């Protein structure tokens, strides 16, 4: 009798760039996807940090990512660096022919966005923005409902991401300085409700206006809170509320959408929708997922199957366009266009 032996599926060999705090969530995502991911290398100038992230995975350790790109047997990189270092790492990885997963924000300026776009297009690699909240079941289901026409034409979308942040001058580090963070809270935590807004609105941002505030964290250079209005090319109006200064009021939605036929709302875990004329909303039971595990799986499958990730450099640059437009609007007290960046 002949026994058939199955051939193990190829995995994506990932090299982690940066072993700081968020890298821990990414490594947890690798470990949840052994069928598609091999944690092959980690680069960080602090060897103890790199060793801690590598654990017993067998990942090679490098002091810098340039050496890792040149010497490690990897297919892709996962960039978990401070904001101001993202662009250089993306460009280096693309030129080395490695696929790229990059933490938010993608980059910090129109000039950097142009460099990222050119490097990715010239190399032909896949770049995916690590927009982890897109993999929340409530978000995926809301997107499905919107695209199926349950709400009809969508009028407005709202997103909220606020919490009481215990940063102080001793623990805020590079985030306290605009040169390294790119701004304040809006380009950090505020990046999440911005990409979520973009995802649910389903169009490209056209113009933006914003009010920024520093309510509590007065030692940081940028804002600790922001309220942003965005107009999209499909007519949707979006609202973003985000802050490190306070916990939102009870009942505040994580996201909501209203349209010609009804509305939907979510606290990030549950999701309910009501069409006009319904006596009661329909509330959906959703199985929880490990969002970083789902994010890593999506990245790996995009590479293995040759498919487009949910958010590539295109969406990353559109998100950046909204945020930079918001900063320009707050500075000039005007409505700022975002088209010049997103069409670059």
Protein backbone atom coordinates (compact mmCIF):
# COMPACT_ATOMS: atom_id res chain seq x y z
CA UNK A 1 0.00 0.00 0.00
CA UNK A 2 1.29 3.46 -0.90
CA UNK A 3 0.94 6.13 1.74
CA UNK A 4 0.49 9.64 0.38
CA UNK A 5 2.53 12.27 2.13
CA UNK A 6 1.18 15.81 2.01
CA UNK A 7 3.64 18.53 1.16
CA UNK A 8 3.60 21.37 3.70
CA UNK A 9 2.32 24.61 2.26
CA UNK A 10 4.91 27.32 1.75
CA UNK A 11 5.02 29.95 4.46
CA UNK A 12 5.90 33.62 4.29
CA UNK A 13 9.20 34.15 6.09
CA UNK A 14 8.87 37.45 7.98
CA UNK A 15 11.60 39.69 9.37
CA UNK A 16 10.44 42.00 12.15
CA UNK A 17 11.89 45.52 12.08
CA UNK A 18 11.67 47.12 15.52
CA UNK A 19 11.09 45.20 18.76
CA UNK A 20 9.17 47.83 20.73
CA UNK A 21 5.75 47.65 22.33
CA UNK A 22 3.48 47.07 19.33
CA UNK A 23 5.83 44.37 18.01
CA UNK A 24 4.56 42.08 20.75
CA UNK A 25 1.06 42.09 19.26
CA UNK A 26 2.51 41.32 15.83
CA UNK A 27 4.58 38.40 17.14
CA UNK A 28 1.43 37.03 18.77
CA UNK A 29 -0.13 37.22 15.32
CA UNK A 30 2.74 35.22 13.79
CA UNK A 31 2.34 32.50 16.38
CA UNK A 32 -1.36 32.17 15.54
CA UNK A 33 -0.56 31.49 11.89
CA UNK A 34 2.03 28.69 11.74
CA UNK A 35 0.53 27.35 8.49
CA UNK A 36 1.30 30.55 6.59
CA UNK A 37 3.96 32.45 8.57
CA UNK A 38 7.51 31.73 9.72
CA UNK A 39 9.02 34.23 12.14
CA UNK A 40 12.48 34.20 10.59
CA UNK A 41 14.35 37.29 11.83
CA UNK A 42 14.17 40.38 14.01
CA UNK A 43 16.22 43.58 13.79
CA UNK A 44 16.62 46.02 16.66
CA UNK A 45 19.67 47.92 17.97
CA UNK A 46 18.76 46.88 21.52
CA UNK A 47 19.71 43.21 21.52
CA UNK A 48 17.78 42.43 24.70
CA UNK A 49 14.58 43.69 23.06
CA UNK A 50 15.22 41.65 19.94
CA UNK A 51 15.92 38.51 21.99
CA UNK A 52 12.75 39.03 24.00
CA UNK A 53 10.65 39.26 20.82
CA UNK A 54 12.38 36.28 19.21
CA UNK A 55 11.78 34.11 22.27
CA UNK A 56 12.24 30.46 21.35
CA UNK A 57 11.07 30.96 17.74
CA UNK A 58 14.54 30.48 16.30
CA UNK A 59 14.39 33.85 14.58
CA UNK A 60 17.78 35.30 13.66
CA UNK A 61 18.73 38.50 15.46
CA UNK A 62 20.25 41.51 13.73
CA UNK A 63 21.40 44.87 15.08
CA UNK A 64 19.98 46.78 12.11
CA UNK A 65 17.50 46.15 9.34
CA UNK A 66 19.94 46.93 6.52
CA UNK A 67 21.97 43.88 7.52
CA UNK A 68 18.82 41.81 7.94
CA UNK A 69 17.64 42.76 4.45
CA UNK A 70 21.01 41.80 3.00
CA UNK A 71 21.61 38.56 4.89
CA UNK A 72 18.41 37.02 6.24
CA UNK A 73 16.33 34.44 4.40
CA UNK A 74 13.07 36.40 4.41
CA UNK A 75 10.22 37.12 2.00
CA UNK A 76 8.71 40.08 3.84
CA UNK A 77 9.28 42.61 6.58
CA UNK A 78 6.99 43.86 9.34
CA UNK A 79 7.82 47.45 10.28
CA UNK A 80 7.13 48.36 13.92
CA UNK A 81 9.33 51.45 14.29
CA UNK A 82 8.65 54.98 15.57
CA UNK A 83 6.69 57.01 13.02
CA UNK A 84 9.54 59.06 11.58
CA UNK A 85 11.50 55.92 10.64
CA UNK A 86 8.78 54.22 8.58
CA UNK A 87 9.54 55.75 5.19
CA UNK A 88 13.22 54.83 5.09
CA UNK A 89 12.49 51.25 6.14
CA UNK A 90 9.74 50.88 3.52
CA UNK A 91 11.99 52.18 0.75
CA UNK A 92 14.90 49.95 1.81
CA UNK A 93 12.69 46.86 2.00
CA UNK A 94 11.06 47.55 -1.37
CA UNK A 95 14.44 48.02 -3.03
CA UNK A 96 15.52 44.70 -1.51
CA UNK A 97 12.46 43.04 -3.08
CA UNK A 98 10.71 42.27 0.21
CA UNK A 99 6.97 42.51 0.76
CA UNK A 100 6.00 44.97 3.48
CA UNK A 101 3.60 45.17 6.40
CA UNK A 102 3.89 48.60 8.03
CA UNK A 103 2.42 49.90 11.25
CA UNK A 104 0.56 53.20 11.14
CA UNK A 105 1.18 55.86 10.02
CA UNK A 106 2.52 54.80 6.62
CA UNK A 107 4.70 57.93 6.48
CA UNK A 108 4.60 61.59 7.53
CA UNK A 109 4.61 63.98 4.56
CA UNK A 110 3.67 64.33 0.88
CA UNK A 111 7.33 64.00 -0.04
CA UNK A 112 7.63 60.75 1.91
CA UNK A 113 4.38 59.50 0.36
CA UNK A 114 5.81 60.07 -3.11
CA UNK A 115 8.98 58.15 -2.20
CA UNK A 116 6.99 55.24 -0.78
CA UNK A 117 4.74 55.05 -3.85
CA UNK A 118 7.68 55.12 -6.25
CA UNK A 119 9.65 52.47 -4.35
CA UNK A 120 6.71 50.07 -4.11
CA UNK A 121 5.62 50.52 -7.72
CA UNK A 122 9.14 50.15 -9.10
CA UNK A 123 9.84 46.99 -7.11
CA UNK A 124 6.45 45.36 -7.59
CA UNK A 125 6.26 44.21 -3.96
CA UNK A 126 3.06 44.07 -1.95
CA UNK A 127 2.69 46.70 0.77
CA UNK A 128 -0.06 46.33 3.35
CA UNK A 129 -0.89 48.91 5.99
CA UNK A 130 -1.26 47.31 9.42
CA UNK A 131 -4.75 48.69 10.02
CA UNK A 132 -5.70 46.11 12.62
CA UNK A 133 -9.18 47.44 13.43
CA UNK A 134 -10.38 46.50 9.93
CA UNK A 135 -10.27 42.89 11.11
CA UNK A 136 -12.72 43.37 13.96
CA UNK A 137 -15.80 41.24 13.12
CA UNK A 138 -18.10 44.22 13.67
CA UNK A 139 -16.16 46.26 11.11
CA UNK A 140 -16.07 43.48 8.53
CA UNK A 141 -19.81 42.86 8.93
CA UNK A 142 -20.63 46.58 8.75
CA UNK A 143 -18.66 46.86 5.51
CA UNK A 144 -20.53 43.85 4.13
CA UNK A 145 -23.92 45.35 5.06
CA UNK A 146 -23.06 48.73 3.55
CA UNK A 147 -21.83 47.19 0.29
CA UNK A 148 -24.90 44.94 0.07
CA UNK A 149 -27.14 48.02 0.06
CA UNK A 150 -28.90 47.46 3.39
CA UNK A 151 -28.59 51.20 4.16
CA UNK A 152 -29.06 52.35 0.58
CA UNK A 153 -26.93 55.35 -0.32
CA UNK A 154 -24.79 56.22 2.70
CA UNK A 155 -25.06 59.81 3.93
CA UNK A 156 -22.78 60.01 6.96
CA UNK A 157 -20.25 57.89 8.87
CA UNK A 158 -18.93 58.59 12.37
CA UNK A 159 -15.94 57.01 14.11
CA UNK A 160 -14.65 57.47 17.66
CA UNK A 161 -11.43 56.35 19.36
CA UNK A 162 -10.75 58.05 22.69
CA UNK A 163 -9.35 56.97 26.03
CA UNK A 164 -7.78 58.40 29.17
CA UNK A 165 -4.08 58.11 28.41
CA UNK A 166 -1.67 58.05 31.35
CA UNK A 167 1.30 59.42 29.39
CA UNK A 168 3.56 61.77 31.32
CA UNK A 169 6.87 63.43 30.40
CA UNK A 170 8.83 60.47 31.75
CA UNK A 171 7.14 57.77 29.65
CA UNK A 172 5.91 59.44 26.46
CA UNK A 173 9.28 59.28 24.67
CA UNK A 174 9.34 60.07 20.95
CA UNK A 175 5.56 60.58 20.87
CA UNK A 176 5.95 63.88 22.73
CA UNK A 177 7.74 65.52 19.79
CA UNK A 178 6.17 66.49 16.47
CA UNK A 179 9.42 65.82 14.58
CA UNK A 180 9.33 62.13 15.47
CA UNK A 181 5.58 61.51 15.84
CA UNK A 182 4.43 63.64 12.90
CA UNK A 183 2.02 65.67 15.01
CA UNK A 184 0.03 64.71 18.08
CA UNK A 185 -2.75 62.30 19.02
CA UNK A 186 -4.49 62.53 15.63
CA UNK A 187 -1.63 60.92 13.70
CA UNK A 188 -1.19 58.29 16.41
CA UNK A 189 -4.32 56.81 17.99
CA UNK A 190 -6.41 59.07 15.74
CA UNK A 191 -5.06 57.18 12.74
CA UNK A 192 -7.33 54.24 13.66
CA UNK A 193 -10.70 56.01 13.42
CA UNK A 194 -9.42 57.76 10.28
CA UNK A 195 -8.70 54.56 8.35
CA UNK A 196 -11.92 53.08 9.71
CA UNK A 197 -13.83 56.10 8.40
CA UNK A 198 -12.17 55.74 5.00
CA UNK A 199 -13.03 52.03 4.89
CA UNK A 200 -16.71 52.49 5.75
CA UNK A 201 -17.25 55.65 3.67
CA UNK A 202 -16.18 53.83 0.52
CA UNK A 203 -14.86 56.85 -1.35
CA UNK A 204 -11.76 59.01 -1.66
CA UNK A 205 -11.36 62.04 0.64
CA UNK A 206 -11.84 65.41 -1.05
CA UNK A 207 -11.69 68.03 1.70
CA UNK A 208 -11.33 68.21 5.44
CA UNK A 209 -11.76 70.62 8.32
CA UNK A 210 -10.73 70.13 11.93
CA UNK A 211 -10.55 71.54 15.42
CA UNK A 212 -7.64 70.39 17.58
CA UNK A 213 -7.26 70.79 21.33
CA UNK A 214 -4.87 70.08 24.17
CA UNK A 215 -7.19 69.43 27.09
CA UNK A 216 -4.86 67.66 29.49
CA UNK A 217 -1.47 66.50 28.13
CA UNK A 218 0.04 69.97 27.94
CA UNK A 219 3.64 68.72 28.00
CA UNK A 220 3.40 67.24 24.49
CA UNK A 221 4.04 69.33 21.37
CA UNK A 222 0.97 68.21 19.45
CA UNK A 223 -2.73 68.02 20.24
CA UNK A 224 -4.19 65.46 22.63
CA UNK A 225 -7.67 65.62 21.04
CA UNK A 226 -9.20 66.21 17.61
CA UNK A 227 -12.57 66.50 15.90
CA UNK A 228 -12.41 66.17 12.13
CA UNK A 229 -14.98 66.49 9.33
CA UNK A 230 -14.26 64.87 5.96
CA UNK A 231 -16.10 65.09 2.63
CA UNK A 232 -15.66 62.12 0.27
CA UNK A 233 -16.00 62.08 -3.49
CA UNK A 234 -19.11 59.85 -3.26
CA UNK A 235 -20.95 62.44 -1.17
CA UNK A 236 -20.42 60.81 2.22
CA UNK A 237 -19.68 63.18 5.11
CA UNK A 238 -17.48 61.70 7.84
CA UNK A 239 -16.87 62.71 11.45
CA UNK A 240 -13.89 61.59 13.55
CA UNK A 241 -13.63 62.20 17.31
CA UNK A 242 -10.42 61.07 18.97
CA UNK A 243 -8.56 61.87 22.17
CA UNK A 244 -6.01 60.85 24.77
CA UNK A 245 -7.56 63.25 27.28
CA UNK A 246 -10.75 61.49 28.28
CA UNK A 247 -12.84 58.36 28.30
CA UNK A 248 -15.84 58.92 25.99
CA UNK A 249 -19.30 59.30 27.48
CA UNK A 250 -21.35 56.15 28.06
CA UNK A 251 -23.20 55.12 24.93
CA UNK A 252 -20.72 56.71 22.51
CA UNK A 253 -20.49 54.56 19.39
CA UNK A 254 -17.19 53.21 18.08
CA UNK A 255 -18.60 53.72 14.63
CA UNK A 256 -21.96 54.34 12.97
CA UNK A 257 -23.38 54.95 9.52
CA UNK A 258 -26.67 56.42 8.34
CA UNK A 259 -28.14 56.19 4.86
CA UNK A 260 -31.32 56.60 2.87
CA UNK A 261 -32.80 53.29 4.10
CA UNK A 262 -31.56 53.06 7.68
CA UNK A 263 -28.58 53.06 10.00
CA UNK A 264 -26.08 50.85 11.79
CA UNK A 265 -24.04 51.30 14.95
CA UNK A 266 -21.35 49.43 16.86
CA UNK A 267 -19.41 49.68 20.09
CA UNK A 268 -16.62 47.76 18.35
CA UNK A 269 -17.83 44.39 19.62
CA UNK A 270 -21.56 44.19 18.89
CA UNK A 271 -23.30 45.46 15.76
CA UNK A 272 -26.91 46.42 15.21
CA UNK A 273 -28.78 47.93 12.30
CA UNK A 274 -32.28 49.20 11.71
CA UNK A 275 -33.96 49.88 8.40
CA UNK A 276 -36.58 52.60 8.23
CA UNK A 277 -39.90 51.11 9.29
CA UNK A 278 -38.40 48.33 11.42
CA UNK A 279 -39.93 48.17 14.88
CA UNK A 280 -36.69 47.00 16.46
CA UNK A 281 -33.04 46.96 15.39
CA UNK A 282 -31.41 43.72 14.28
CA UNK A 283 -28.52 42.88 16.61
CA UNK A 284 -25.89 40.49 15.36
CA UNK A 285 -23.94 37.99 17.45
CA UNK A 286 -20.33 38.10 16.30
CA UNK A 287 -17.56 35.68 17.19
CA UNK A 288 -14.51 37.50 18.59
CA UNK A 289 -11.19 37.19 16.79
CA UNK A 290 -7.57 38.00 17.57
CA UNK A 291 -7.39 41.06 15.32
CA UNK A 292 -3.59 40.99 14.97
CA UNK A 293 -3.76 37.30 14.17
CA UNK A 294 -6.35 38.03 11.49
CA UNK A 295 -4.26 40.91 10.19
CA UNK A 296 -1.13 38.75 9.87
CA UNK A 297 -3.13 35.97 8.22
CA UNK A 298 -4.52 38.45 5.66
CA UNK A 299 -1.03 39.75 4.91
CA UNK A 300 0.40 36.27 4.43
CA UNK A 301 -2.49 35.12 2.26
CA UNK A 302 -2.17 38.25 0.11
CA UNK A 303 1.43 37.30 -0.62
CA UNK A 304 0.87 33.57 -1.07
CA UNK A 305 -2.21 34.01 -3.26
CA UNK A 306 -1.13 37.15 -5.09
CA UNK A 307 -4.19 39.08 -3.94
CA UNK A 308 -4.59 42.74 -2.96
CA UNK A 309 -4.60 43.52 0.78
CA UNK A 310 -7.53 45.51 2.16
CA UNK A 311 -5.37 48.62 2.56
CA UNK A 312 -2.23 49.16 0.49
CA UNK A 313 -0.09 52.28 0.14
CA UNK A 314 -3.05 53.85 -1.74
CA UNK A 315 -5.30 53.81 1.32
CA UNK A 316 -2.39 54.59 3.65
CA UNK A 317 -1.70 57.76 1.69
CA UNK A 318 -5.41 58.68 1.66
CA UNK A 319 -5.48 58.37 5.45
CA UNK A 320 -2.35 60.54 5.65
CA UNK A 321 -4.04 63.04 3.33
CA UNK A 322 -6.98 63.37 5.72
CA UNK A 323 -4.71 63.87 8.71
CA UNK A 324 -2.36 66.36 7.06
CA UNK A 325 -5.40 68.18 5.71
CA UNK A 326 -6.81 68.32 9.24
CA UNK A 327 -3.57 69.83 10.52
CA UNK A 328 -3.59 72.40 7.71
CA UNK A 329 -7.24 73.21 8.36
CA UNK A 330 -6.61 73.76 12.07
CA UNK A 331 -3.59 75.93 11.34
CA UNK A 332 -5.33 78.14 8.77
CA UNK A 333 -8.90 77.86 10.11
CA UNK A 334 -10.13 76.86 6.66
CA UNK A 335 -11.49 73.86 4.80
CA UNK A 336 -8.41 72.16 3.35
CA UNK A 337 -8.30 70.10 0.13
CA UNK A 338 -6.67 66.68 0.28
CA UNK A 339 -6.62 65.79 -3.41
CA UNK A 340 -3.06 66.87 -4.16
CA UNK A 341 -1.63 64.29 -1.76
CA UNK A 342 -3.92 61.35 -2.48
CA UNK A 343 -3.45 61.72 -6.24
CA UNK A 344 0.34 62.00 -5.99
